Amino acid sequence: MAPPPAVAGATGLGVAATGSYPARRGTTARDLLKIQWDYAVATNEVQASEGTSVKAARTALPADEAFKRLAGKDPRPLLVVRECQVCNKTDNALLRPGIDNEKTIVLSHWFHCVKLPVDVVDPNEPFNALFPTNDAEHLFVSTIDGTSRIPLESDTSRPELWAAMGKVLSRSYARDPSNAANDILKAHDKLDLLDQKLADLSKARDGLAENPGRLDKDKLKKLDREIESTKKELEAEKASIEKLSKIDLKTEKKA
């Protein structure tokens, strides 16, 4: 599923990356079920006399400025995770290993997802105002300016997590994306069926082509038509998911 209104990497925070997906899904759904992260790295630079820039000492930004830096040009609400020594370079702070995280991933596509480094709790780290101590929450969701912030933990129950995400999404979008998320989950079931159908048809075609001396050309043509038809159904279902994903932000609708 393509991220709704924003372009990944447009924030200037860092290189976007992808997260985990449910292993039980077929290939097509798995390709859509990825979290796109920005990695926030704020540095202060000063101009040297020769015109070159050098790094200045790190200083913590005021909270309102920190939120502005996180948001960048991405108009979506925020889902912010602080990495720790345990969950560093994984998605375990948000996605709990061993359970179904599919709804979480689908809902995340309406958020601007940002990871902050392990040392964000350092008082001199630019984004320290968002996570001031080691006792701070592990992640939060909020509207773009940091209001309606809801602190969360990695062990928060999935229903509580989805409720928090839904609350922020309903405040940010012209209509609540939660209903669209449920329709997208159903569409993933259809993708899985079509993936399996395509695999079965391709296997049948390969089996038929292995005996060229006894090749049934009419049957081969029929299989080719069914394969092409199934591929078109897959593309149509993906287009349907993309359409469901496109929901206006409240500020965009007013504009």
Protein backbone atom coordinates (compact mmCIF):
# COMPACT_ATOMS: atom_id res chain seq x y z
CA MET A 1 0.00 0.00 0.00
CA ALA A 2 1.49 3.32 -1.01
CA PRO A 3 1.81 5.93 1.77
CA PRO A 4 -1.25 8.19 1.40
CA PRO A 5 -0.39 11.88 0.92
CA ALA A 6 3.35 12.19 1.46
CA VAL A 7 6.49 11.21 -0.36
CA ALA A 8 8.98 9.12 1.57
CA GLY A 9 12.26 10.91 2.11
CA ALA A 10 10.69 14.37 1.65
CA THR A 11 11.30 15.28 5.29
CA GLY A 12 15.05 15.72 5.14
CA LEU A 13 15.41 13.50 8.21
CA GLY A 14 17.22 10.53 6.76
CA VAL A 15 16.98 7.71 4.29
CA ALA A 16 13.63 5.93 4.35
CA ALA A 17 13.64 2.22 5.10
CA THR A 18 11.11 -0.59 5.24
CA GLY A 19 9.93 -2.65 8.16
CA SER A 20 8.50 -6.08 8.84
CA TYR A 21 5.41 -7.83 7.48
CA PRO A 22 3.29 -10.84 8.43
CA ALA A 23 4.94 -14.02 7.15
CA ARG A 24 1.62 -15.79 6.63
CA ARG A 25 0.66 -13.55 3.72
CA GLY A 26 1.27 -14.26 0.04
CA THR A 27 3.90 -12.48 -2.02
CA THR A 28 1.71 -9.61 -3.26
CA ALA A 29 0.32 -8.69 0.16
CA ARG A 30 3.77 -8.98 1.76
CA ASP A 31 5.13 -6.48 -0.73
CA LEU A 32 2.48 -4.00 0.42
CA LEU A 33 2.85 -4.67 4.14
CA LYS A 34 5.99 -2.72 4.93
CA ILE A 35 6.52 0.24 7.22
CA GLN A 36 8.43 3.13 5.72
CA TRP A 37 10.60 4.82 8.33
CA ASP A 38 12.44 8.10 8.36
CA TYR A 39 15.51 8.26 10.60
CA ALA A 40 15.84 11.59 12.38
CA VAL A 41 19.35 12.99 12.58
CA ALA A 42 19.51 16.71 13.38
CA THR A 43 22.86 18.47 13.18
CA ASN A 44 23.71 22.12 13.69
CA GLU A 45 26.15 23.63 11.23
CA VAL A 46 28.03 26.94 11.28
CA GLN A 47 29.90 28.62 8.44
CA ALA A 48 33.68 28.67 8.72
CA SER A 49 35.61 31.68 7.45
CA GLU A 50 36.54 29.89 4.23
CA GLY A 51 32.87 29.32 3.47
CA THR A 52 32.84 25.66 4.43
CA SER A 53 30.41 24.39 7.05
CA VAL A 54 31.42 22.60 10.20
CA LYS A 55 29.38 20.84 12.85
CA ALA A 56 28.55 22.86 15.92
CA ALA A 57 28.09 21.40 19.37
CA ARG A 58 24.82 19.52 19.70
CA THR A 59 22.08 21.25 21.64
CA ALA A 60 18.55 20.14 22.44
CA LEU A 61 15.80 21.82 20.45
CA PRO A 62 12.71 23.26 22.13
CA ALA A 63 9.82 20.78 21.86
CA ASP A 64 7.87 22.82 19.28
CA GLU A 65 10.95 23.15 17.06
CA ALA A 66 11.71 19.45 17.45
CA PHE A 67 8.23 18.59 16.19
CA LYS A 68 8.67 20.95 13.22
CA ARG A 69 11.95 19.26 12.32
CA LEU A 70 10.35 15.81 12.57
CA ALA A 71 7.38 16.79 10.42
CA GLY A 72 9.43 18.46 7.69
CA LYS A 73 7.35 18.56 4.51
CA ASP A 74 5.31 15.50 5.40
CA PRO A 75 1.77 16.58 6.39
CA ARG A 76 0.73 13.33 8.08
CA PRO A 77 0.37 12.81 11.83
CA LEU A 78 3.40 11.36 13.59
CA LEU A 79 4.28 7.90 14.84
CA VAL A 80 7.61 8.28 16.63
CA VAL A 81 9.77 5.49 18.08
CA ARG A 82 12.90 5.92 20.17
CA GLU A 83 15.31 3.07 19.65
CA CYS A 84 16.97 1.42 22.62
CA GLN A 85 19.81 -1.05 23.09
CA VAL A 86 17.34 -3.96 22.94
CA CYS A 87 15.21 -2.97 19.95
CA ASN A 88 17.86 -1.06 17.96
CA LYS A 89 17.70 -1.79 14.21
CA THR A 90 14.47 -3.79 14.59
CA ASP A 91 10.77 -2.90 14.56
CA ASN A 92 10.15 -4.65 17.87
CA ALA A 93 9.24 -1.42 19.67
CA LEU A 94 6.11 -1.22 17.49
CA LEU A 95 5.62 -4.71 16.06
CA ARG A 96 5.48 -7.46 18.64
CA PRO A 97 7.26 -10.68 17.58
CA GLY A 98 5.09 -13.76 17.44
CA ILE A 99 1.73 -12.03 16.95
CA ASP A 100 -0.25 -10.66 14.02
CA ASN A 101 0.91 -7.10 13.36
CA GLU A 102 -0.92 -6.66 10.06
CA LYS A 103 -3.47 -4.09 11.24
CA THR A 104 -0.71 -2.08 12.90
CA ILE A 105 1.24 -1.96 9.63
CA VAL A 106 -1.83 -0.96 7.61
CA LEU A 107 -2.69 1.86 10.04
CA SER A 108 0.94 3.04 10.03
CA HIS A 109 0.65 3.96 6.36
CA TRP A 110 -1.42 7.01 7.31
CA PHE A 111 1.33 8.17 9.68
CA HIS A 112 4.71 9.73 9.09
CA CYS A 113 6.80 7.08 10.88
CA VAL A 114 10.05 8.33 12.41
CA LYS A 115 12.74 6.57 14.43
CA LEU A 116 14.96 8.47 16.84
CA PRO A 117 18.42 7.17 17.84
CA VAL A 118 19.29 5.41 21.08
CA ASP A 119 21.01 8.55 22.42
CA VAL A 120 17.87 10.69 22.12
CA VAL A 121 17.75 10.57 25.95
CA ASP A 122 21.06 12.48 26.04
CA PRO A 123 20.25 16.04 27.25
CA ASN A 124 22.26 17.51 24.36
CA GLU A 125 20.62 15.41 21.64
CA PRO A 126 18.52 17.70 19.37
CA PHE A 127 15.29 15.72 19.86
CA ASN A 128 15.74 15.15 23.60
CA ALA A 129 12.64 17.21 24.45
CA LEU A 130 10.52 14.41 22.94
CA PHE A 131 12.09 11.64 25.06
CA PRO A 132 13.93 13.39 27.92
CA THR A 133 14.91 10.34 30.01
CA ASN A 134 15.35 6.58 29.91
CA ASP A 135 12.02 6.37 31.74
CA ALA A 136 10.17 8.07 28.89
CA GLU A 137 7.73 6.04 26.83
CA HIS A 138 9.08 3.92 23.99
CA LEU A 139 6.94 5.49 21.28
CA PHE A 140 4.04 7.84 20.74
CA VAL A 141 1.48 8.91 18.17
CA SER A 142 0.44 12.53 17.79
CA THR A 143 -0.97 15.09 15.42
CA ILE A 144 1.64 16.82 13.27
CA ASP A 145 2.31 19.63 15.76
CA GLY A 146 2.72 17.27 18.71
CA THR A 147 -0.68 17.90 20.22
CA SER A 148 -2.99 14.98 21.02
CA ARG A 149 0.16 13.03 21.91
CA ILE A 150 -0.55 9.52 23.18
CA PRO A 151 2.40 7.74 24.85
CA LEU A 152 2.74 4.00 24.17
CA GLU A 153 4.96 1.09 25.10
CA SER A 154 6.15 -1.91 23.12
CA ASP A 155 4.04 -4.17 25.32
CA THR A 156 0.87 -2.11 24.91
CA SER A 157 -1.97 -4.45 23.92
CA ARG A 158 -2.83 -4.42 20.23
CA PRO A 159 -6.40 -3.15 20.82
CA GLU A 160 -5.04 -0.26 22.90
CA LEU A 161 -2.43 0.53 20.25
CA TRP A 162 -5.01 0.51 17.45
CA ALA A 163 -7.38 2.67 19.50
CA ALA A 164 -4.61 5.24 20.07
CA MET A 165 -3.63 5.23 16.39
CA GLY A 166 -7.29 5.53 15.38
CA LYS A 167 -7.87 8.47 17.72
CA VAL A 168 -5.02 10.48 16.20
CA LEU A 169 -5.97 9.49 12.64
CA SER A 170 -9.60 10.58 13.13
CA ARG A 171 -8.36 13.99 14.33
CA SER A 172 -6.02 14.37 11.37
CA TYR A 173 -8.01 13.09 8.38
CA ALA A 174 -11.23 14.24 6.77
CA ARG A 175 -12.70 10.82 7.50
CA ASP A 176 -11.54 8.12 9.89
CA PRO A 177 -9.11 5.76 8.07
CA SER A 178 -9.98 2.88 10.43
CA ASN A 179 -12.88 1.70 8.25
CA ALA A 180 -10.66 1.81 5.16
CA ALA A 181 -8.05 -0.22 7.06
CA ASN A 182 -10.58 -2.99 7.67
CA ASP A 183 -11.47 -3.03 3.96
CA ILE A 184 -7.78 -3.21 3.07
CA LEU A 185 -7.30 -6.21 5.37
CA LYS A 186 -10.14 -7.97 3.53
CA ALA A 187 -8.54 -7.06 0.20
CA HIS A 188 -5.32 -8.74 1.36
CA ASP A 189 -7.31 -11.98 1.70
CA LYS A 190 -8.35 -11.61 -1.95
CA LEU A 191 -4.74 -11.01 -2.97
CA ASP A 192 -3.71 -14.23 -1.25
CA LEU A 193 -6.39 -16.20 -3.12
CA LEU A 194 -5.31 -14.70 -6.43
CA ASP A 195 -1.64 -15.38 -5.67
CA GLN A 196 -2.46 -19.03 -5.00
CA LYS A 197 -4.60 -19.25 -8.14
CA LEU A 198 -1.78 -17.80 -10.23
CA ALA A 199 0.73 -20.23 -8.72
CA ASP A 200 -1.56 -23.20 -9.49
CA LEU A 201 -2.15 -22.06 -13.07
CA SER A 202 1.57 -21.50 -13.65
CA LYS A 203 2.36 -24.94 -12.27
CA ALA A 204 -0.24 -26.52 -14.54
CA ARG A 205 1.18 -24.68 -17.55
CA ASP A 206 4.75 -25.75 -16.72
CA GLY A 207 3.58 -29.36 -16.41
CA LEU A 208 1.87 -29.17 -19.79
CA ALA A 209 4.91 -27.61 -21.48
CA GLU A 210 7.22 -30.35 -20.17
CA ASN A 211 5.77 -32.79 -22.72
CA PRO A 212 6.10 -30.95 -26.05
CA GLY A 213 5.46 -34.11 -28.04
CA ARG A 214 2.01 -34.49 -26.50
CA LEU A 215 1.32 -30.78 -26.10
CA ASP A 216 -2.35 -29.77 -26.06
CA LYS A 217 -2.13 -26.34 -27.69
CA ASP A 218 -5.76 -25.47 -26.98
CA LYS A 219 -5.32 -26.25 -23.30
CA LEU A 220 -2.08 -24.25 -23.24
CA LYS A 221 -3.84 -21.22 -24.74
CA LYS A 222 -6.64 -21.57 -22.20
CA LEU A 223 -4.13 -21.62 -19.34
CA ASP A 224 -2.33 -18.59 -20.79
CA ARG A 225 -5.64 -16.69 -20.93
CA GLU A 226 -6.45 -17.63 -17.34
CA ILE A 227 -2.98 -16.58 -16.18
CA GLU A 228 -3.31 -13.17 -17.85
CA SER A 229 -6.80 -12.74 -16.46
CA THR A 230 -5.60 -13.53 -12.92
CA LYS A 231 -2.73 -11.07 -13.25
CA LYS A 232 -5.22 -8.36 -14.23
CA GLU A 233 -7.37 -9.24 -11.23
CA LEU A 234 -4.32 -8.86 -9.00
CA GLU A 235 -3.54 -5.43 -10.44
CA ALA A 236 -7.17 -4.37 -10.07
CA GLU A 237 -7.20 -5.44 -6.41
CA LYS A 238 -3.96 -3.52 -5.77
CA ALA A 239 -5.51 -0.46 -7.42
CA SER A 240 -8.53 -0.85 -5.15
CA ILE A 241 -6.25 -0.88 -2.09
CA GLU A 242 -4.45 2.23 -3.32
CA LYS A 243 -7.79 3.98 -3.77
CA LEU A 244 -8.88 3.01 -0.25
CA SER A 245 -5.59 4.41 1.07
CA LYS A 246 -6.12 7.89 -0.36
CA ILE A 247 -7.88 9.94 2.30
CA ASP A 248 -7.56 13.72 2.52
CA LEU A 249 -6.02 15.31 5.56
CA LYS A 250 -8.31 17.85 7.21
CA THR A 251 -5.99 20.72 6.34
CA GLU A 252 -5.82 19.57 2.71
CA LYS A 253 -9.61 19.40 2.45
CA LYS A 254 -9.94 22.96 3.78
CA ALA A 255 -7.30 24.14 1.31
